[in-house]
Amino acid sequence: EVQLVESGGGLVQPGGSLRLSCAASGFTFGSYDMSWVRQAPGKGPEWVSTINSGGDKTYFLDSVKGRFTISRDNAKNTLYLQMNSLKPEDTGVYYCARDHVSYAYVFDSWGQGTQVTVSS
């Protein structure tokens, strides 16, 4: 059974940093591209970042480029999102998601999410 468990969220002031983690199990983690998707209150899901299975290719939403870093440790079956220079508009529930093997912007498995609140 595929399982994705996010952690590391919390309350942070604007300009602060957080590192999110996603513990994966139930599948061969190192064979899949992985993504982070967020959902602001009252909004629909918004793709944030993707990393390929080997960890050498990354992609970011324009509004987070230069501030966020996605990484992974395949030996630990863990995905990370380092978030720096956080802004109030980054507030939302952050989910890790497993990418579909063939189709872009399709995610076949999701975690339960971790809340990130950026407020002064």
Protein backbone atom coordinates (compact mmCIF):
# COMPACT_ATOMS: atom_id res chain seq x y z
CA GLU A 1 0.00 0.00 0.00
CA VAL A 2 1.38 3.37 -1.03
CA GLN A 3 1.80 5.70 1.92
CA LEU A 4 3.09 9.28 2.02
CA VAL A 5 3.39 11.08 5.35
CA GLU A 6 4.30 14.77 5.47
CA SER A 7 5.84 16.54 8.44
CA GLY A 8 7.67 19.74 9.31
CA GLY A 9 4.95 22.31 8.88
CA GLY A 10 4.17 25.00 11.39
CA LEU A 11 3.83 28.70 12.05
CA VAL A 12 6.63 30.94 10.81
CA GLN A 13 7.08 34.68 10.37
CA PRO A 14 7.49 36.22 6.92
CA GLY A 15 11.08 35.81 5.80
CA GLY A 16 11.51 32.68 7.85
CA SER A 17 12.26 29.12 6.79
CA LEU A 18 10.81 25.65 7.12
CA ARG A 19 11.86 22.25 5.88
CA LEU A 20 9.12 19.80 5.03
CA SER A 21 9.67 16.07 4.89
CA CYS A 22 7.67 13.30 3.28
CA ALA A 23 8.23 9.71 4.35
CA ALA A 24 7.30 7.27 1.61
CA SER A 25 6.54 3.58 1.84
CA GLY A 26 4.74 0.83 -0.03
CA PHE A 27 6.49 1.34 -3.36
CA THR A 28 9.92 1.66 -4.94
CA PHE A 29 10.49 5.30 -4.05
CA GLY A 30 13.64 5.68 -6.15
CA SER A 31 11.77 4.78 -9.33
CA TYR A 32 9.30 7.66 -9.20
CA ASP A 33 9.32 11.38 -9.82
CA MET A 34 7.89 13.17 -6.81
CA SER A 35 6.16 16.51 -6.33
CA TRP A 36 4.94 18.98 -3.76
CA VAL A 37 1.48 20.47 -4.15
CA ARG A 38 -0.11 23.03 -1.86
CA GLN A 39 -3.61 24.25 -1.17
CA ALA A 40 -4.35 27.65 0.32
CA PRO A 41 -7.50 28.15 2.40
CA GLY A 42 -10.52 28.22 0.12
CA LYS A 43 -8.40 27.58 -2.97
CA GLY A 44 -7.77 24.63 -5.23
CA PRO A 45 -4.53 22.66 -5.32
CA GLU A 46 -1.46 24.39 -6.75
CA TRP A 47 1.59 22.52 -8.00
CA VAL A 48 4.78 23.77 -6.35
CA SER A 49 7.74 21.61 -7.36
CA THR A 50 8.83 18.33 -8.92
CA ILE A 51 12.01 16.29 -8.68
CA ASN A 52 12.89 13.40 -10.94
CA SER A 53 13.57 9.94 -9.61
CA GLY A 54 17.35 10.36 -9.61
CA GLY A 55 17.23 13.77 -7.95
CA ASP A 56 19.23 15.61 -10.59
CA LYS A 57 16.37 17.48 -12.27
CA THR A 58 14.04 19.87 -10.51
CA TYR A 59 11.17 22.16 -11.50
CA PHE A 60 9.47 24.97 -9.62
CA LEU A 61 6.45 27.19 -9.69
CA ASP A 62 7.65 30.64 -10.77
CA SER A 63 6.59 32.31 -7.54
CA VAL A 64 8.83 30.03 -5.44
CA LYS A 65 11.91 29.92 -7.68
CA GLY A 66 15.00 30.98 -5.80
CA ARG A 67 13.28 30.49 -2.45
CA PHE A 68 12.36 26.79 -2.37
CA THR A 69 14.55 23.75 -2.91
CA ILE A 70 13.25 20.25 -3.51
CA SER A 71 15.46 17.26 -2.74
CA ARG A 72 15.24 13.58 -1.96
CA ASP A 73 17.12 10.82 -0.21
CA ASN A 74 16.27 7.61 -1.98
CA ALA A 75 18.11 5.51 0.58
CA LYS A 76 15.77 6.89 3.25
CA ASN A 77 12.66 6.94 1.05
CA THR A 78 12.22 10.59 1.93
CA LEU A 79 11.31 13.71 -0.03
CA TYR A 80 12.11 17.21 1.22
CA LEU A 81 11.08 20.77 0.53
CA GLN A 82 13.32 23.49 1.94
CA MET A 83 11.38 26.75 2.04
CA ASN A 84 13.23 30.01 2.61
CA SER A 85 12.15 33.65 2.56
CA LEU A 86 8.60 32.59 3.22
CA LYS A 87 5.73 34.90 2.37
CA PRO A 88 2.14 34.99 3.66
CA GLU A 89 0.95 33.79 0.26
CA ASP A 90 2.89 30.56 0.84
CA THR A 91 0.38 29.66 3.53
CA GLY A 92 -1.51 26.45 2.95
CA VAL A 93 -1.53 22.72 3.36
CA TYR A 94 1.46 21.13 1.65
CA TYR A 95 1.15 17.67 0.20
CA CYS A 96 3.74 15.36 -1.26
CA ALA A 97 2.57 13.42 -4.28
CA ARG A 98 3.85 10.66 -6.50
CA ASP A 99 3.97 11.56 -10.17
CA HIS A 100 2.32 9.43 -12.80
CA VAL A 101 4.92 7.46 -14.73
CA SER A 102 3.72 8.72 -18.12
CA TYR A 103 1.63 11.87 -17.76
CA ALA A 104 2.80 15.29 -16.64
CA TYR A 105 0.85 17.05 -13.89
CA VAL A 106 -0.93 13.87 -12.93
CA PHE A 107 -0.37 12.59 -9.41
CA ASP A 108 -1.47 9.10 -8.52
CA SER A 109 -0.80 9.13 -4.76
CA TRP A 110 -1.07 11.83 -2.11
CA GLY A 111 -0.17 12.28 1.51
CA GLN A 112 -2.45 13.81 4.13
CA GLY A 113 -0.61 17.13 4.13
CA THR A 114 1.12 19.37 6.63
CA GLN A 115 -0.01 22.89 7.48
CA VAL A 116 2.30 25.82 6.75
CA THR A 117 1.26 29.20 8.11
CA VAL A 118 3.29 32.31 7.34
CA SER A 119 2.15 35.21 9.47
CA SER A 120 3.53 38.02 11.57
